[in-house]
Amino acid sequence: AMKEEAFITTMDDYRANVRFQLSEYTIPGKGVEKVLTTWEDAAKDYEKYYLVPHAEAVDELMTVLKPFLETATSERDKAKVIFNYLVKNYKWNGAYSIDSALKPNDFLTNKEGNSAYANMAFLTALRALGIKADPILCSTRAHGKVLPNYPIINQFNHLFVIANLDGSDIFIDIAQEALPMGFVRSEANNKMAWLAQIDNPIWIDMIPSMSTEIIGTDIKI
């Protein structure tokens, strides 16, 4: 029998299973309605139904951030202002999601939310400044592996951000443990993630960051 070991993903990844997904259905008199389409269509739907409502509710947050942004010159400096504000005012409720019922403006009164809450606010705030930023959707290690052959959004349970700051792409994942910009939480390192940009949605490899510094020392005991 299988036994759960340390550092593995969910046990469901190792059990044989069958997943069902509705492909299409027929409405009498109206024809066939597609449910399972393409990743390109999925990216457009995610933008329309998930991100646009958040982008329409970011003005009050930007008003609060405006005095701090006035001294920021580079795109990275502006991103840090938003990042630091959200980290300071965010409390993760322990739930993972690719959407949040709370909008960016809600940060002024409600500090607690799921994993998508702060990251969606960060993404829409960057876009409000004209900075290119896109969502990356992933399935956490405890949630299980994804099937890239099938464009099914509910395979994912977490969202983080990729932003182009001064010509360089960088990951941002606002977590309660205050990860620095450029890192994602360990649960998000689950082999692959989906960059849901409208013009070119692609799969990316998620490989944990490795140290590039080696320190040697002699110790006498």
N, C-alpha and C. Protein backbone atom coordinates (compact mmCIF):
# COMPACT_ATOMS: atom_id res chain seq x y z
N ALA A 1 0.83 -1.19 0.00
CA ALA A 1 0.00 0.00 0.00
C ALA A 1 0.88 1.25 0.00
N MET A 2 0.36 2.33 -0.58
CA MET A 2 1.11 3.58 -0.63
C MET A 2 1.11 4.24 0.74
N LYS A 3 2.20 4.92 1.02
CA LYS A 3 2.32 5.62 2.29
C LYS A 3 2.80 7.03 2.01
N GLU A 4 2.17 8.00 2.66
CA GLU A 4 2.55 9.39 2.44
C GLU A 4 3.93 9.66 3.01
N GLU A 5 4.76 10.33 2.21
CA GLU A 5 6.12 10.64 2.61
C GLU A 5 6.31 12.16 2.64
N ALA A 6 7.35 12.57 3.31
CA ALA A 6 7.65 14.00 3.37
C ALA A 6 8.07 14.51 1.99
N PHE A 7 7.71 15.74 1.69
CA PHE A 7 8.13 16.47 0.48
C PHE A 7 7.45 15.99 -0.80
N ILE A 8 6.46 15.12 -0.72
CA ILE A 8 5.72 14.75 -1.93
C ILE A 8 4.54 15.69 -2.08
N THR A 9 3.91 15.68 -3.27
CA THR A 9 2.69 16.44 -3.46
C THR A 9 1.53 15.63 -2.88
N THR A 10 0.30 16.03 -3.18
CA THR A 10 -0.86 15.31 -2.67
C THR A 10 -0.84 13.84 -3.11
N MET A 11 -1.35 12.97 -2.26
CA MET A 11 -1.40 11.54 -2.58
C MET A 11 -2.26 11.26 -3.80
N ASP A 12 -3.18 12.17 -4.13
CA ASP A 12 -4.03 11.97 -5.30
C ASP A 12 -3.22 11.94 -6.60
N ASP A 13 -2.02 12.54 -6.58
CA ASP A 13 -1.17 12.50 -7.77
C ASP A 13 -0.63 11.10 -8.03
N TYR A 14 -0.68 10.23 -7.05
CA TYR A 14 -0.08 8.90 -7.16
C TYR A 14 -1.14 7.79 -7.23
N ARG A 15 -2.41 8.18 -7.15
CA ARG A 15 -3.49 7.20 -7.25
C ARG A 15 -4.08 7.25 -8.65
N ALA A 16 -4.45 6.07 -9.19
CA ALA A 16 -5.14 6.03 -10.47
C ALA A 16 -6.51 6.67 -10.30
N ASN A 17 -6.88 7.55 -11.21
CA ASN A 17 -8.18 8.19 -11.11
C ASN A 17 -8.69 8.59 -12.48
N VAL A 18 -9.95 8.88 -12.56
CA VAL A 18 -10.59 9.31 -13.79
C VAL A 18 -11.24 10.67 -13.56
N ARG A 19 -10.96 11.63 -14.43
CA ARG A 19 -11.56 12.95 -14.34
C ARG A 19 -12.53 13.14 -15.50
N PHE A 20 -13.68 13.72 -15.22
CA PHE A 20 -14.67 13.98 -16.25
C PHE A 20 -14.81 15.49 -16.45
N GLN A 21 -14.93 15.90 -17.70
CA GLN A 21 -15.11 17.31 -18.03
C GLN A 21 -16.09 17.42 -19.18
N LEU A 22 -17.14 18.22 -19.00
CA LEU A 22 -18.11 18.45 -20.06
C LEU A 22 -17.44 19.17 -21.22
N SER A 23 -17.58 18.65 -22.42
CA SER A 23 -16.97 19.24 -23.60
C SER A 23 -17.92 20.21 -24.30
N GLU A 24 -19.16 19.82 -24.45
CA GLU A 24 -20.16 20.65 -25.09
C GLU A 24 -21.55 20.15 -24.75
N TYR A 25 -22.54 20.98 -24.99
CA TYR A 25 -23.92 20.55 -24.80
C TYR A 25 -24.79 21.19 -25.87
N THR A 26 -25.94 20.59 -26.11
CA THR A 26 -26.85 21.07 -27.16
C THR A 26 -28.11 21.64 -26.55
N ILE A 27 -28.47 22.84 -26.96
CA ILE A 27 -29.70 23.48 -26.55
C ILE A 27 -30.69 23.38 -27.71
N PRO A 28 -31.82 22.73 -27.49
CA PRO A 28 -32.80 22.60 -28.58
C PRO A 28 -33.16 23.94 -29.20
N GLY A 29 -33.01 24.03 -30.50
CA GLY A 29 -33.34 25.25 -31.21
C GLY A 29 -32.22 26.27 -31.26
N LYS A 30 -31.13 26.04 -30.50
CA LYS A 30 -30.03 27.00 -30.46
C LYS A 30 -28.69 26.41 -30.91
N GLY A 31 -28.62 25.12 -31.00
CA GLY A 31 -27.38 24.49 -31.46
C GLY A 31 -26.47 24.07 -30.33
N VAL A 32 -25.19 23.89 -30.68
CA VAL A 32 -24.19 23.35 -29.75
C VAL A 32 -23.47 24.48 -29.04
N GLU A 33 -23.33 24.36 -27.74
CA GLU A 33 -22.57 25.31 -26.93
C GLU A 33 -21.29 24.64 -26.44
N LYS A 34 -20.14 25.20 -26.82
CA LYS A 34 -18.86 24.65 -26.41
C LYS A 34 -18.55 25.01 -24.96
N VAL A 35 -18.05 24.06 -24.21
CA VAL A 35 -17.59 24.29 -22.85
C VAL A 35 -16.06 24.19 -22.81
N LEU A 36 -15.53 23.14 -23.39
CA LEU A 36 -14.09 22.94 -23.46
C LEU A 36 -13.58 23.52 -24.76
N THR A 37 -12.85 24.64 -24.70
CA THR A 37 -12.41 25.32 -25.92
C THR A 37 -10.89 25.25 -26.06
N THR A 38 -10.21 26.38 -25.94
CA THR A 38 -8.74 26.42 -26.07
C THR A 38 -8.16 27.23 -24.92
N TRP A 39 -6.85 27.11 -24.71
CA TRP A 39 -6.19 27.90 -23.68
C TRP A 39 -6.25 29.39 -24.02
N GLU A 40 -6.24 29.72 -25.31
CA GLU A 40 -6.35 31.12 -25.72
C GLU A 40 -7.70 31.70 -25.29
N ASP A 41 -8.77 30.93 -25.50
CA ASP A 41 -10.10 31.38 -25.08
C ASP A 41 -10.19 31.44 -23.56
N ALA A 42 -9.55 30.48 -22.89
CA ALA A 42 -9.56 30.46 -21.43
C ALA A 42 -8.89 31.71 -20.86
N ALA A 43 -7.78 32.15 -21.49
CA ALA A 43 -7.08 33.36 -21.05
C ALA A 43 -7.96 34.60 -21.23
N LYS A 44 -8.67 34.67 -22.34
CA LYS A 44 -9.57 35.80 -22.58
C LYS A 44 -10.72 35.81 -21.57
N ASP A 45 -11.27 34.63 -21.29
CA ASP A 45 -12.37 34.54 -20.32
C ASP A 45 -11.90 34.92 -18.92
N TYR A 46 -10.67 34.50 -18.57
CA TYR A 46 -10.16 34.84 -17.23
C TYR A 46 -9.97 36.35 -17.10
N GLU A 47 -9.46 36.97 -18.15
CA GLU A 47 -9.29 38.42 -18.14
C GLU A 47 -10.64 39.12 -18.00
N LYS A 48 -11.61 38.68 -18.77
CA LYS A 48 -12.93 39.34 -18.81
C LYS A 48 -13.71 39.16 -17.52
N TYR A 49 -13.75 37.94 -17.02
CA TYR A 49 -14.64 37.65 -15.89
C TYR A 49 -13.97 37.76 -14.52
N TYR A 50 -12.64 37.71 -14.49
CA TYR A 50 -11.94 37.76 -13.21
C TYR A 50 -11.20 39.08 -13.00
N LEU A 51 -10.42 39.49 -14.00
CA LEU A 51 -9.53 40.65 -13.80
C LEU A 51 -10.19 42.00 -14.07
N VAL A 52 -11.02 42.08 -15.10
CA VAL A 52 -11.64 43.35 -15.43
C VAL A 52 -12.46 43.92 -14.26
N PRO A 53 -13.28 43.10 -13.56
CA PRO A 53 -14.01 43.65 -12.40
C PRO A 53 -13.09 44.22 -11.33
N HIS A 54 -11.90 43.65 -11.16
CA HIS A 54 -10.95 44.17 -10.19
C HIS A 54 -10.32 45.48 -10.69
N ALA A 55 -10.05 45.54 -11.98
CA ALA A 55 -9.46 46.75 -12.56
C ALA A 55 -10.42 47.93 -12.47
N GLU A 56 -11.71 47.66 -12.42
CA GLU A 56 -12.71 48.72 -12.32
C GLU A 56 -12.91 49.18 -10.89
N ALA A 57 -12.20 48.56 -9.95
CA ALA A 57 -12.37 48.91 -8.53
C ALA A 57 -11.02 49.09 -7.85
N VAL A 58 -10.13 49.87 -8.50
CA VAL A 58 -8.80 50.09 -7.96
C VAL A 58 -8.51 51.57 -7.72
N ASP A 59 -9.44 52.45 -8.10
CA ASP A 59 -9.19 53.89 -8.05
C ASP A 59 -8.94 54.41 -6.63
N GLU A 60 -9.70 53.93 -5.65
CA GLU A 60 -9.52 54.41 -4.28
C GLU A 60 -8.18 53.97 -3.70
N LEU A 61 -7.78 52.75 -4.03
CA LEU A 61 -6.47 52.27 -3.59
C LEU A 61 -5.36 53.11 -4.19
N MET A 62 -5.47 53.44 -5.47
CA MET A 62 -4.45 54.25 -6.13
C MET A 62 -4.38 55.66 -5.53
N THR A 63 -5.51 56.18 -5.08
CA THR A 63 -5.51 57.50 -4.43
C THR A 63 -4.70 57.47 -3.14
N VAL A 64 -4.84 56.38 -2.38
CA VAL A 64 -4.07 56.23 -1.14
C VAL A 64 -2.59 56.08 -1.44
N LEU A 65 -2.25 55.40 -2.52
CA LEU A 65 -0.85 55.15 -2.86
C LEU A 65 -0.17 56.34 -3.53
N LYS A 66 -0.95 57.25 -4.06
CA LYS A 66 -0.40 58.35 -4.86
C LYS A 66 0.71 59.13 -4.18
N PRO A 67 0.58 59.55 -2.91
CA PRO A 67 1.66 60.32 -2.27
C PRO A 67 2.97 59.55 -2.19
N PHE A 68 2.90 58.24 -2.02
CA PHE A 68 4.11 57.43 -1.92
C PHE A 68 4.73 57.18 -3.29
N LEU A 69 3.89 57.15 -4.31
CA LEU A 69 4.36 56.89 -5.67
C LEU A 69 5.05 58.11 -6.28
N GLU A 70 4.78 59.28 -5.75
CA GLU A 70 5.34 60.50 -6.33
C GLU A 70 6.86 60.54 -6.26
N THR A 71 7.45 59.88 -5.28
CA THR A 71 8.92 59.89 -5.14
C THR A 71 9.56 58.67 -5.83
N ALA A 72 8.74 57.78 -6.35
CA ALA A 72 9.27 56.59 -7.03
C ALA A 72 9.51 56.93 -8.50
N THR A 73 10.71 56.67 -8.96
CA THR A 73 11.07 57.04 -10.34
C THR A 73 11.02 55.86 -11.30
N SER A 74 11.61 54.76 -10.93
CA SER A 74 11.65 53.60 -11.81
C SER A 74 10.40 52.72 -11.62
N GLU A 75 10.17 51.84 -12.57
CA GLU A 75 9.04 50.92 -12.45
C GLU A 75 9.22 49.99 -11.25
N ARG A 76 10.45 49.59 -10.99
CA ARG A 76 10.72 48.72 -9.84
C ARG A 76 10.41 49.46 -8.53
N ASP A 77 10.77 50.73 -8.46
CA ASP A 77 10.48 51.51 -7.25
C ASP A 77 8.97 51.65 -7.04
N LYS A 78 8.24 51.87 -8.12
CA LYS A 78 6.79 51.98 -8.02
C LYS A 78 6.18 50.66 -7.56
N ALA A 79 6.69 49.56 -8.12
CA ALA A 79 6.19 48.24 -7.73
C ALA A 79 6.47 47.97 -6.25
N LYS A 80 7.63 48.41 -5.77
CA LYS A 80 7.97 48.20 -4.36
C LYS A 80 7.04 48.98 -3.44
N VAL A 81 6.64 50.18 -3.85
CA VAL A 81 5.71 50.97 -3.05
C VAL A 81 4.38 50.22 -2.88
N ILE A 82 3.87 49.71 -3.99
CA ILE A 82 2.60 48.96 -3.94
C ILE A 82 2.77 47.67 -3.15
N PHE A 83 3.87 46.97 -3.43
CA PHE A 83 4.17 45.71 -2.76
C PHE A 83 4.24 45.90 -1.25
N ASN A 84 4.99 46.89 -0.81
CA ASN A 84 5.18 47.11 0.63
C ASN A 84 3.87 47.49 1.32
N TYR A 85 3.05 48.28 0.64
CA TYR A 85 1.76 48.67 1.22
C TYR A 85 0.86 47.45 1.40
N LEU A 86 0.78 46.61 0.37
CA LEU A 86 -0.09 45.45 0.44
C LEU A 86 0.40 44.43 1.46
N VAL A 87 1.71 44.20 1.49
CA VAL A 87 2.26 43.25 2.47
C VAL A 87 1.96 43.71 3.89
N LYS A 88 2.12 45.01 4.13
CA LYS A 88 1.89 45.55 5.47
C LYS A 88 0.42 45.46 5.88
N ASN A 89 -0.47 45.56 4.92
CA ASN A 89 -1.90 45.63 5.23
C ASN A 89 -2.66 44.35 4.92
N TYR A 90 -1.94 43.27 4.60
CA TYR A 90 -2.60 42.03 4.17
C TYR A 90 -2.45 40.93 5.21
N LYS A 91 -3.56 40.24 5.45
CA LYS A 91 -3.54 39.06 6.30
C LYS A 91 -4.19 37.92 5.53
N TRP A 92 -3.41 36.88 5.28
CA TRP A 92 -3.91 35.73 4.54
C TRP A 92 -4.81 34.89 5.44
N ASN A 93 -5.98 34.50 4.91
CA ASN A 93 -6.92 33.72 5.71
C ASN A 93 -6.70 32.21 5.60
N GLY A 94 -5.63 31.81 4.90
CA GLY A 94 -5.30 30.40 4.78
C GLY A 94 -5.90 29.70 3.58
N ALA A 95 -6.75 30.39 2.82
CA ALA A 95 -7.41 29.78 1.66
C ALA A 95 -6.69 30.16 0.37
N TYR A 96 -6.61 29.19 -0.54
CA TYR A 96 -6.05 29.44 -1.87
C TYR A 96 -7.19 29.66 -2.87
N SER A 97 -6.94 30.52 -3.85
CA SER A 97 -7.96 30.76 -4.88
C SER A 97 -7.33 31.51 -6.05
N ILE A 98 -8.01 31.47 -7.20
CA ILE A 98 -7.59 32.25 -8.36
C ILE A 98 -8.48 33.48 -8.52
N ASP A 99 -9.36 33.72 -7.56
CA ASP A 99 -10.25 34.88 -7.60
C ASP A 99 -10.56 35.32 -6.17
N SER A 100 -10.97 36.55 -6.05
CA SER A 100 -11.34 37.08 -4.74
C SER A 100 -12.61 37.90 -4.87
N ALA A 101 -13.57 37.65 -3.99
CA ALA A 101 -14.79 38.45 -3.98
C ALA A 101 -14.48 39.87 -3.55
N LEU A 102 -13.39 40.04 -2.78
CA LEU A 102 -12.96 41.37 -2.36
C LEU A 102 -12.15 42.02 -3.48
N LYS A 103 -12.37 43.30 -3.70
CA LYS A 103 -11.70 44.04 -4.76
C LYS A 103 -10.57 44.90 -4.18
N PRO A 104 -9.68 45.43 -5.04
CA PRO A 104 -8.55 46.23 -4.54
C PRO A 104 -8.95 47.36 -3.59
N ASN A 105 -10.04 48.05 -3.89
CA ASN A 105 -10.46 49.15 -3.02
C ASN A 105 -10.85 48.68 -1.62
N ASP A 106 -11.19 47.42 -1.49
CA ASP A 106 -11.57 46.88 -0.18
C ASP A 106 -10.41 46.86 0.80
N PHE A 107 -9.17 47.00 0.28
CA PHE A 107 -8.00 47.00 1.17
C PHE A 107 -8.05 48.16 2.17
N LEU A 108 -8.80 49.18 1.85
CA LEU A 108 -8.88 50.32 2.74
C LEU A 108 -9.66 50.00 4.01
N THR A 109 -10.50 48.95 3.95
CA THR A 109 -11.31 48.60 5.12
C THR A 109 -11.17 47.13 5.53
N ASN A 110 -10.83 46.26 4.58
CA ASN A 110 -10.76 44.83 4.86
C ASN A 110 -9.37 44.31 4.52
N LYS A 111 -8.61 43.89 5.52
CA LYS A 111 -7.22 43.49 5.32
C LYS A 111 -7.05 41.99 5.11
N GLU A 112 -8.09 41.21 5.34
CA GLU A 112 -7.94 39.75 5.31
C GLU A 112 -8.63 39.15 4.09
N GLY A 113 -7.95 38.18 3.45
CA GLY A 113 -8.55 37.54 2.29
C GLY A 113 -7.75 36.34 1.85
N ASN A 114 -8.19 35.71 0.76
CA ASN A 114 -7.52 34.50 0.27
C ASN A 114 -6.23 34.85 -0.48
N SER A 115 -5.59 33.84 -1.05
CA SER A 115 -4.28 34.05 -1.68
C SER A 115 -4.34 34.94 -2.91
N ALA A 116 -5.51 35.05 -3.53
CA ALA A 116 -5.64 35.87 -4.74
C ALA A 116 -5.89 37.34 -4.42
N TYR A 117 -6.35 37.63 -3.22
CA TYR A 117 -6.78 38.98 -2.85
C TYR A 117 -5.68 40.02 -3.08
N ALA A 118 -4.56 39.85 -2.41
CA ALA A 118 -3.47 40.82 -2.52
C ALA A 118 -2.81 40.78 -3.89
N ASN A 119 -2.68 39.59 -4.46
CA ASN A 119 -2.01 39.48 -5.75
C ASN A 119 -2.81 40.12 -6.88
N MET A 120 -4.15 40.00 -6.83
CA MET A 120 -4.98 40.65 -7.85
C MET A 120 -4.95 42.16 -7.67
N ALA A 121 -4.91 42.62 -6.41
CA ALA A 121 -4.80 44.06 -6.16
C ALA A 121 -3.48 44.59 -6.68
N PHE A 122 -2.41 43.83 -6.46
CA PHE A 122 -1.08 44.24 -6.94
C PHE A 122 -1.05 44.31 -8.46
N LEU A 123 -1.60 43.30 -9.11
CA LEU A 123 -1.61 43.24 -10.57
C LEU A 123 -2.37 44.42 -11.16
N THR A 124 -3.57 44.68 -10.65
CA THR A 124 -4.38 45.76 -11.22
C THR A 124 -3.79 47.14 -10.90
N ALA A 125 -3.12 47.27 -9.76
CA ALA A 125 -2.47 48.54 -9.43
C ALA A 125 -1.30 48.80 -10.38
N LEU A 126 -0.53 47.77 -10.69
CA LEU A 126 0.57 47.93 -11.66
C LEU A 126 0.03 48.35 -13.02
N ARG A 127 -1.03 47.69 -13.46
CA ARG A 127 -1.61 48.02 -14.76
C ARG A 127 -2.14 49.45 -14.77
N ALA A 128 -2.67 49.90 -13.63
CA ALA A 128 -3.17 51.27 -13.54
C ALA A 128 -2.06 52.29 -13.76
N LEU A 129 -0.81 51.89 -13.49
CA LEU A 129 0.35 52.75 -13.69
C LEU A 129 0.97 52.56 -15.07
N GLY A 130 0.36 51.70 -15.88
CA GLY A 130 0.88 51.45 -17.22
C GLY A 130 2.01 50.44 -17.25
N ILE A 131 2.19 49.69 -16.17
CA ILE A 131 3.24 48.66 -16.11
C ILE A 131 2.66 47.33 -16.57
N LYS A 132 3.37 46.63 -17.44
CA LYS A 132 2.89 45.35 -17.93
C LYS A 132 2.93 44.32 -16.81
N ALA A 133 1.78 43.73 -16.53
CA ALA A 133 1.68 42.70 -15.50
C ALA A 133 0.61 41.70 -15.91
N ASP A 134 0.87 40.43 -15.67
CA ASP A 134 -0.06 39.38 -16.05
C ASP A 134 -0.20 38.36 -14.93
N PRO A 135 -1.33 37.65 -14.92
CA PRO A 135 -1.53 36.62 -13.89
C PRO A 135 -0.89 35.30 -14.29
N ILE A 136 -0.36 34.61 -13.31
CA ILE A 136 0.11 33.24 -13.49
C ILE A 136 -0.73 32.36 -12.57
N LEU A 137 -1.38 31.37 -13.14
CA LEU A 137 -2.23 30.46 -12.38
C LEU A 137 -1.48 29.15 -12.16
N CYS A 138 -1.61 28.62 -10.97
CA CYS A 138 -0.94 27.35 -10.68
C CYS A 138 -1.80 26.51 -9.76
N SER A 139 -1.44 25.26 -9.65
CA SER A 139 -2.04 24.35 -8.69
C SER A 139 -0.98 24.10 -7.62
N THR A 140 -1.32 24.36 -6.37
CA THR A 140 -0.35 24.18 -5.30
C THR A 140 -0.03 22.70 -5.12
N ARG A 141 1.04 22.43 -4.42
CA ARG A 141 1.49 21.06 -4.25
C ARG A 141 0.43 20.19 -3.55
N ALA A 142 -0.27 20.77 -2.61
CA ALA A 142 -1.31 20.01 -1.91
C ALA A 142 -2.57 19.85 -2.74
N HIS A 143 -2.70 20.66 -3.79
CA HIS A 143 -3.88 20.61 -4.66
C HIS A 143 -3.71 19.59 -5.78
N GLY A 144 -2.47 19.35 -6.19
CA GLY A 144 -2.22 18.32 -7.20
C GLY A 144 -1.72 18.85 -8.53
N LYS A 145 -1.33 17.94 -9.40
CA LYS A 145 -0.80 18.28 -10.71
C LYS A 145 -1.90 18.75 -11.65
N VAL A 146 -1.51 19.51 -12.66
CA VAL A 146 -2.45 19.98 -13.67
C VAL A 146 -2.29 19.17 -14.94
N LEU A 147 -3.31 19.21 -15.79
CA LEU A 147 -3.29 18.52 -17.08
C LEU A 147 -3.25 19.58 -18.18
N PRO A 148 -2.07 19.87 -18.72
CA PRO A 148 -1.95 20.95 -19.70
C PRO A 148 -2.66 20.69 -21.02
N ASN A 149 -3.07 19.46 -21.26
CA ASN A 149 -3.76 19.15 -22.51
C ASN A 149 -5.20 19.63 -22.53
N TYR A 150 -5.74 19.96 -21.36
CA TYR A 150 -7.15 20.33 -21.29
C TYR A 150 -7.30 21.71 -20.66
N PRO A 151 -7.89 22.68 -21.38
CA PRO A 151 -8.04 24.05 -20.88
C PRO A 151 -9.16 24.18 -19.85
N ILE A 152 -8.87 23.71 -18.65
CA ILE A 152 -9.85 23.72 -17.56
C ILE A 152 -9.32 24.62 -16.45
N ILE A 153 -9.98 25.75 -16.24
CA ILE A 153 -9.50 26.74 -15.28
C ILE A 153 -9.54 26.23 -13.85
N ASN A 154 -10.53 25.39 -13.53
CA ASN A 154 -10.64 24.97 -12.13
C ASN A 154 -9.59 23.95 -11.71
N GLN A 155 -8.63 23.66 -12.60
CA GLN A 155 -7.47 22.87 -12.18
C GLN A 155 -6.56 23.69 -11.25
N PHE A 156 -6.68 25.01 -11.33
CA PHE A 156 -5.79 25.90 -10.59
C PHE A 156 -6.44 26.37 -9.30
N ASN A 157 -5.61 26.65 -8.31
CA ASN A 157 -6.16 27.16 -7.05
C ASN A 157 -5.33 28.31 -6.45
N HIS A 158 -4.38 28.84 -7.24
CA HIS A 158 -3.59 29.95 -6.73
C HIS A 158 -3.16 30.85 -7.87
N LEU A 159 -3.01 32.12 -7.56
CA LEU A 159 -2.61 33.13 -8.53
C LEU A 159 -1.45 33.94 -7.98
N PHE A 160 -0.42 34.12 -8.81
CA PHE A 160 0.60 35.11 -8.50
C PHE A 160 0.86 35.94 -9.75
N VAL A 161 1.83 36.83 -9.70
CA VAL A 161 1.96 37.85 -10.75
C VAL A 161 3.34 37.79 -11.40
N ILE A 162 3.37 38.04 -12.69
CA ILE A 162 4.63 38.32 -13.38
C ILE A 162 4.54 39.74 -13.92
N ALA A 163 5.55 40.55 -13.63
CA ALA A 163 5.56 41.95 -14.05
C ALA A 163 6.87 42.27 -14.77
N ASN A 164 6.78 43.11 -15.78
CA ASN A 164 7.96 43.57 -16.48
C ASN A 164 8.36 44.91 -15.90
N LEU A 165 9.42 44.90 -15.09
CA LEU A 165 9.87 46.10 -14.40
C LEU A 165 11.20 46.56 -14.98
N ASP A 166 11.17 47.69 -15.63
CA ASP A 166 12.38 48.27 -16.24
C ASP A 166 13.05 47.28 -17.19
N GLY A 167 12.22 46.53 -17.93
CA GLY A 167 12.73 45.63 -18.94
C GLY A 167 13.02 44.21 -18.48
N SER A 168 12.81 43.92 -17.20
CA SER A 168 13.08 42.58 -16.67
C SER A 168 11.81 41.97 -16.08
N ASP A 169 11.53 40.71 -16.42
CA ASP A 169 10.38 40.02 -15.87
C ASP A 169 10.69 39.51 -14.47
N ILE A 170 9.73 39.65 -13.57
CA ILE A 170 9.95 39.22 -12.19
C ILE A 170 8.65 38.65 -11.62
N PHE A 171 8.75 37.56 -10.86
CA PHE A 171 7.61 36.98 -10.18
C PHE A 171 7.34 37.75 -8.89
N ILE A 172 6.06 37.92 -8.57
CA ILE A 172 5.68 38.49 -7.27
C ILE A 172 4.53 37.67 -6.71
N ASP A 173 4.67 37.23 -5.49
CA ASP A 173 3.64 36.46 -4.81
C ASP A 173 3.51 37.02 -3.40
N ILE A 174 2.50 37.85 -3.18
CA ILE A 174 2.33 38.49 -1.89
C ILE A 174 1.75 37.49 -0.90
N ALA A 175 2.56 37.12 0.07
CA ALA A 175 2.16 36.13 1.07
C ALA A 175 2.30 36.75 2.46
N GLN A 176 1.63 36.14 3.41
CA GLN A 176 1.65 36.69 4.76
C GLN A 176 3.06 36.66 5.36
N GLU A 177 3.88 35.69 4.89
CA GLU A 177 5.23 35.61 5.42
C GLU A 177 6.18 36.61 4.76
N ALA A 178 5.62 37.53 3.97
CA ALA A 178 6.38 38.63 3.37
C ALA A 178 7.57 38.15 2.55
N LEU A 179 7.29 37.34 1.54
CA LEU A 179 8.34 36.94 0.60
C LEU A 179 8.83 38.17 -0.15
N PRO A 180 10.12 38.26 -0.41
CA PRO A 180 10.62 39.41 -1.20
C PRO A 180 10.16 39.30 -2.65
N MET A 181 10.16 40.41 -3.34
CA MET A 181 9.83 40.39 -4.76
C MET A 181 10.82 39.48 -5.49
N GLY A 182 10.30 38.68 -6.41
CA GLY A 182 11.15 37.76 -7.14
C GLY A 182 11.01 36.32 -6.69
N PHE A 183 10.22 36.08 -5.63
CA PHE A 183 10.03 34.74 -5.10
C PHE A 183 8.54 34.41 -5.00
N VAL A 184 8.22 33.12 -5.12
CA VAL A 184 6.86 32.67 -4.88
C VAL A 184 6.88 31.71 -3.70
N ARG A 185 5.74 31.54 -3.06
CA ARG A 185 5.67 30.63 -1.92
C ARG A 185 5.99 29.21 -2.36
N SER A 186 6.53 28.41 -1.46
CA SER A 186 6.99 27.06 -1.80
C SER A 186 5.87 26.19 -2.34
N GLU A 187 4.65 26.40 -1.89
CA GLU A 187 3.51 25.59 -2.35
C GLU A 187 3.25 25.79 -3.84
N ALA A 188 3.68 26.92 -4.39
CA ALA A 188 3.44 27.21 -5.81
C ALA A 188 4.46 26.53 -6.72
N ASN A 189 5.55 26.03 -6.15
CA ASN A 189 6.56 25.33 -6.95
C ASN A 189 6.13 23.89 -7.19
N ASN A 190 5.24 23.74 -8.17
CA ASN A 190 4.64 22.43 -8.46
C ASN A 190 4.83 22.07 -9.93
N LYS A 191 6.07 22.16 -10.37
CA LYS A 191 6.53 21.74 -11.71
C LYS A 191 6.15 22.71 -12.83
N MET A 192 4.88 23.13 -12.92
CA MET A 192 4.50 24.02 -14.01
C MET A 192 3.37 24.94 -13.58
N ALA A 193 3.26 26.07 -14.30
CA ALA A 193 2.19 27.03 -14.07
C ALA A 193 1.81 27.64 -15.41
N TRP A 194 0.65 28.29 -15.43
CA TRP A 194 0.10 28.82 -16.68
C TRP A 194 0.09 30.33 -16.66
N LEU A 195 0.83 30.93 -17.59
CA LEU A 195 0.86 32.38 -17.76
C LEU A 195 -0.33 32.78 -18.62
N ALA A 196 -1.33 33.39 -17.98
CA ALA A 196 -2.61 33.67 -18.65
C ALA A 196 -2.63 35.04 -19.31
N GLN A 197 -1.66 35.31 -20.15
CA GLN A 197 -1.65 36.57 -20.90
C GLN A 197 -2.50 36.41 -22.15
N ILE A 198 -3.29 37.42 -22.46
CA ILE A 198 -4.26 37.30 -23.55
C ILE A 198 -3.60 37.04 -24.89
N ASP A 199 -2.51 37.76 -25.19
CA ASP A 199 -1.91 37.66 -26.52
C ASP A 199 -1.14 36.36 -26.74
N ASN A 200 -0.67 35.74 -25.65
CA ASN A 200 0.12 34.52 -25.83
C ASN A 200 0.17 33.71 -24.53
N PRO A 201 -0.91 33.02 -24.16
CA PRO A 201 -0.88 32.21 -22.94
C PRO A 201 0.07 31.03 -23.12
N ILE A 202 0.95 30.82 -22.15
CA ILE A 202 1.95 29.76 -22.27
C ILE A 202 2.13 29.07 -20.92
N TRP A 203 2.72 27.87 -20.98
CA TRP A 203 3.08 27.14 -19.78
C TRP A 203 4.53 27.46 -19.44
N ILE A 204 4.80 27.59 -18.15
CA ILE A 204 6.15 27.86 -17.70
C ILE A 204 6.56 26.83 -16.65
N ASP A 205 7.84 26.54 -16.60
CA ASP A 205 8.36 25.62 -15.60
C ASP A 205 8.53 26.34 -14.27
N MET A 206 8.14 25.67 -13.21
CA MET A 206 8.29 26.24 -11.87
C MET A 206 9.37 25.45 -11.14
N ILE A 207 10.58 26.01 -11.12
CA ILE A 207 11.72 25.37 -10.48
C ILE A 207 12.16 26.22 -9.30
N PRO A 208 12.26 25.65 -8.12
CA PRO A 208 12.66 26.44 -6.95
C PRO A 208 13.99 27.15 -7.17
N SER A 209 14.07 28.37 -6.66
CA SER A 209 15.30 29.15 -6.80
C SER A 209 16.45 28.47 -6.08
N MET A 210 17.60 28.47 -6.74
CA MET A 210 18.80 27.86 -6.16
C MET A 210 19.78 28.96 -5.77
N SER A 211 20.53 28.71 -4.73
CA SER A 211 21.53 29.67 -4.31
C SER A 211 22.66 29.71 -5.32
N THR A 212 23.15 30.92 -5.63
CA THR A 212 24.27 31.07 -6.56
C THR A 212 25.55 31.44 -5.83
N GLU A 213 25.50 31.39 -4.52
CA GLU A 213 26.67 31.78 -3.72
C GLU A 213 27.17 30.58 -2.93
N ILE A 214 28.45 30.34 -3.00
CA ILE A 214 29.07 29.24 -2.26
C ILE A 214 30.07 29.84 -1.26
N ILE A 215 29.93 29.47 -0.01
CA ILE A 215 30.80 29.98 1.04
C ILE A 215 31.57 28.83 1.66
N GLY A 216 32.88 28.97 1.69
CA GLY A 216 33.73 27.94 2.29
C GLY A 216 34.40 28.46 3.56
N THR A 217 34.55 27.61 4.52
CA THR A 217 35.20 28.02 5.77
C THR A 217 35.84 26.83 6.46
N ASP A 218 36.87 27.10 7.24
CA ASP A 218 37.52 26.06 8.06
C ASP A 218 37.11 26.28 9.50
N ILE A 219 36.64 25.22 10.14
CA ILE A 219 36.19 25.31 11.51
C ILE A 219 37.00 24.32 12.36
N LYS A 220 37.60 24.81 13.41
CA LYS A 220 38.33 23.96 14.34
C LYS A 220 37.51 23.80 15.62
N ILE A 221 37.31 22.56 15.99
CA ILE A 221 36.54 22.25 17.22
C ILE A 221 37.47 21.68 18.29
